[in-house]
Amino acid sequence: MRELVKVHVSQDVPIRLQSLGFADRVEVRFGKAFPVALLVDRAALDRFIEVLQTGRDELDAQSKERG
Protein backbone atom coordinates (compact mmCIF):
# COMPACT_ATOMS: atom_id res chain seq x y z
CA MET A 1 0.00 0.00 0.00
CA ARG A 2 1.27 3.46 -0.86
CA GLU A 3 1.74 6.10 1.78
CA LEU A 4 0.01 9.45 1.46
CA VAL A 5 2.23 12.51 1.77
CA LYS A 6 0.48 15.54 3.22
CA VAL A 7 1.94 19.02 3.06
CA HIS A 8 0.24 21.76 5.05
CA VAL A 9 0.49 25.04 3.14
CA SER A 10 -0.24 28.00 5.37
CA GLN A 11 -0.17 31.71 4.66
CA ASP A 12 3.39 31.96 6.00
CA VAL A 13 4.91 29.22 3.83
CA PRO A 14 7.01 30.67 1.01
CA ILE A 15 5.70 29.60 -2.40
CA ARG A 16 7.78 29.97 -5.54
CA LEU A 17 7.05 28.87 -9.08
CA GLN A 18 9.40 28.00 -11.90
CA SER A 19 8.30 27.25 -15.46
CA LEU A 20 10.23 24.32 -16.89
CA GLY A 21 9.79 24.84 -20.62
CA PHE A 22 12.10 21.96 -21.53
CA ALA A 23 9.82 19.58 -19.62
CA ASP A 24 6.52 21.34 -20.45
CA ARG A 25 5.58 21.66 -16.78
CA VAL A 26 5.73 24.03 -13.85
CA GLU A 27 7.43 23.43 -10.53
CA VAL A 28 5.76 24.86 -7.44
CA ARG A 29 8.14 25.02 -4.48
CA PHE A 30 6.90 25.29 -0.91
CA GLY A 31 9.01 26.18 2.13
CA LYS A 32 12.67 26.90 2.77
CA ALA A 33 14.22 24.67 5.42
CA PHE A 34 12.48 21.50 4.23
CA PRO A 35 11.35 22.36 0.71
CA VAL A 36 8.77 20.37 -1.18
CA ALA A 37 8.25 20.63 -4.93
CA LEU A 38 5.06 19.88 -6.84
CA LEU A 39 5.52 19.24 -10.56
CA VAL A 40 2.47 19.88 -12.74
CA ASP A 41 2.44 19.04 -16.44
CA ARG A 42 1.01 21.65 -18.80
CA ALA A 43 -1.79 19.25 -19.76
CA ALA A 44 -2.88 19.05 -16.11
CA LEU A 45 -2.69 22.76 -15.23
CA ASP A 46 -6.27 23.67 -16.14
CA ARG A 47 -7.64 20.72 -14.17
CA PHE A 48 -5.40 21.53 -11.20
CA ILE A 49 -6.57 25.16 -11.17
CA GLU A 50 -10.19 24.01 -11.48
CA VAL A 51 -9.86 21.66 -8.51
CA LEU A 52 -8.28 24.38 -6.37
CA GLN A 53 -11.07 26.81 -7.30
CA THR A 54 -13.70 24.20 -6.46
CA GLY A 55 -12.11 23.72 -3.05
CA ARG A 56 -12.08 27.46 -2.44
CA ASP A 57 -15.74 27.76 -3.50
CA GLU A 58 -16.69 24.97 -1.09
CA LEU A 59 -14.83 26.64 1.78
CA ASP A 60 -16.56 29.95 1.00
CA ALA A 61 -19.97 28.25 0.97
CA GLN A 62 -19.26 26.54 4.30
CA SER A 63 -18.20 29.87 5.82
CA LYS A 64 -21.45 31.50 4.69
CA GLU A 65 -23.49 28.63 6.18
CA ARG A 66 -21.84 29.16 9.56
CA GLY A 67 -22.63 32.84 9.40
C-alpha atoms as a PDB file:
ATOM      1  CA  MET A   1       0.000   0.000   0.000  1.00  0.00           C
ATOM      2  CA  ARG A   2       1.275   3.460  -0.860  1.00  0.00           C
ATOM      3  CA  GLU A   3       1.737   6.098   1.784  1.00  0.00           C
ATOM      4  CA  LEU A   4       0.013   9.450   1.455  1.00  0.00           C
ATOM      5  CA  VAL A   5       2.228  12.506   1.768  1.00  0.00           C
ATOM      6  CA  LYS A   6       0.482  15.537   3.224  1.00  0.00           C
ATOM      7  CA  VAL A   7       1.945  19.023   3.062  1.00  0.00           C
ATOM      8  CA  HIS A   8       0.236  21.764   5.048  1.00  0.00           C
ATOM      9  CA  VAL A   9       0.492  25.036   3.140  1.00  0.00           C
ATOM     10  CA  SER A  10      -0.240  28.001   5.373  1.00  0.00           C
ATOM     11  CA  GLN A  11      -0.169  31.712   4.657  1.00  0.00           C
ATOM     12  CA  ASP A  12       3.387  31.956   6.001  1.00  0.00           C
ATOM     13  CA  VAL A  13       4.911  29.218   3.828  1.00  0.00           C
ATOM     14  CA  PRO A  14       7.011  30.665   1.011  1.00  0.00           C
ATOM     15  CA  ILE A  15       5.702  29.600  -2.401  1.00  0.00           C
ATOM     16  CA  ARG A  16       7.780  29.969  -5.540  1.00  0.00           C
ATOM     17  CA  LEU A  17       7.052  28.870  -9.078  1.00  0.00           C
ATOM     18  CA  GLN A  18       9.397  28.002 -11.899  1.00  0.00           C
ATOM     19  CA  SER A  19       8.298  27.248 -15.456  1.00  0.00           C
ATOM     20  CA  LEU A  20      10.227  24.324 -16.894  1.00  0.00           C
ATOM     21  CA  GLY A  21       9.792  24.836 -20.617  1.00  0.00           C
ATOM     22  CA  PHE A  22      12.102  21.959 -21.530  1.00  0.00           C
ATOM     23  CA  ALA A  23       9.815  19.576 -19.615  1.00  0.00           C
ATOM     24  CA  ASP A  24       6.518  21.337 -20.447  1.00  0.00           C
ATOM     25  CA  ARG A  25       5.584  21.662 -16.779  1.00  0.00           C
ATOM     26  CA  VAL A  26       5.733  24.028 -13.847  1.00  0.00           C
ATOM     27  CA  GLU A  27       7.434  23.425 -10.528  1.00  0.00           C
ATOM     28  CA  VAL A  28       5.762  24.865  -7.440  1.00  0.00           C
ATOM     29  CA  ARG A  29       8.143  25.021  -4.479  1.00  0.00           C
ATOM     30  CA  PHE A  30       6.898  25.287  -0.913  1.00  0.00           C
ATOM     31  CA  GLY A  31       9.013  26.181   2.127  1.00  0.00           C
ATOM     32  CA  LYS A  32      12.668  26.900   2.766  1.00  0.00           C
ATOM     33  CA  ALA A  33      14.223  24.667   5.418  1.00  0.00           C
ATOM     34  CA  PHE A  34      12.479  21.497   4.229  1.00  0.00           C
ATOM     35  CA  PRO A  35      11.349  22.356   0.709  1.00  0.00           C
ATOM     36  CA  VAL A  36       8.771  20.366  -1.184  1.00  0.00           C
ATOM     37  CA  ALA A  37       8.246  20.631  -4.933  1.00  0.00           C
ATOM     38  CA  LEU A  38       5.061  19.883  -6.836  1.00  0.00           C
ATOM     39  CA  LEU A  39       5.519  19.242 -10.556  1.00  0.00           C
ATOM     40  CA  VAL A  40       2.467  19.882 -12.736  1.00  0.00           C
ATOM     41  CA  ASP A  41       2.438  19.040 -16.440  1.00  0.00           C
ATOM     42  CA  ARG A  42       1.014  21.653 -18.795  1.00  0.00           C
ATOM     43  CA  ALA A  43      -1.794  19.254 -19.761  1.00  0.00           C
ATOM     44  CA  ALA A  44      -2.879  19.047 -16.105  1.00  0.00           C
ATOM     45  CA  LEU A  45      -2.687  22.761 -15.235  1.00  0.00           C
ATOM     46  CA  ASP A  46      -6.270  23.669 -16.142  1.00  0.00           C
ATOM     47  CA  ARG A  47      -7.645  20.717 -14.169  1.00  0.00           C
ATOM     48  CA  PHE A  48      -5.401  21.531 -11.205  1.00  0.00           C
ATOM     49  CA  ILE A  49      -6.565  25.161 -11.172  1.00  0.00           C
ATOM     50  CA  GLU A  50     -10.187  24.015 -11.482  1.00  0.00           C
ATOM     51  CA  VAL A  51      -9.859  21.660  -8.511  1.00  0.00           C
ATOM     52  CA  LEU A  52      -8.281  24.381  -6.370  1.00  0.00           C
ATOM     53  CA  GLN A  53     -11.066  26.814  -7.301  1.00  0.00           C
ATOM     54  CA  THR A  54     -13.701  24.198  -6.461  1.00  0.00           C
ATOM     55  CA  GLY A  55     -12.112  23.719  -3.047  1.00  0.00           C
ATOM     56  CA  ARG A  56     -12.085  27.461  -2.443  1.00  0.00           C
ATOM     57  CA  ASP A  57     -15.736  27.764  -3.501  1.00  0.00           C
ATOM     58  CA  GLU A  58     -16.694  24.970  -1.094  1.00  0.00           C
ATOM     59  CA  LEU A  59     -14.833  26.638   1.781  1.00  0.00           C
ATOM     60  CA  ASP A  60     -16.559  29.952   0.997  1.00  0.00           C
ATOM     61  CA  ALA A  61     -19.969  28.250   0.972  1.00  0.00           C
ATOM     62  CA  GLN A  62     -19.264  26.544   4.296  1.00  0.00           C
ATOM     63  CA  SER A  63     -18.196  29.866   5.824  1.00  0.00           C
ATOM     64  CA  LYS A  64     -21.449  31.499   4.693  1.00  0.00           C
ATOM     65  CA  GLU A  65     -23.489  28.633   6.181  1.00  0.00           C
ATOM     66  CA  ARG A  66     -21.835  29.158   9.558  1.00  0.00           C
ATOM     67  CA  GLY A  67     -22.630  32.841   9.399  1.00  0.00           C
END
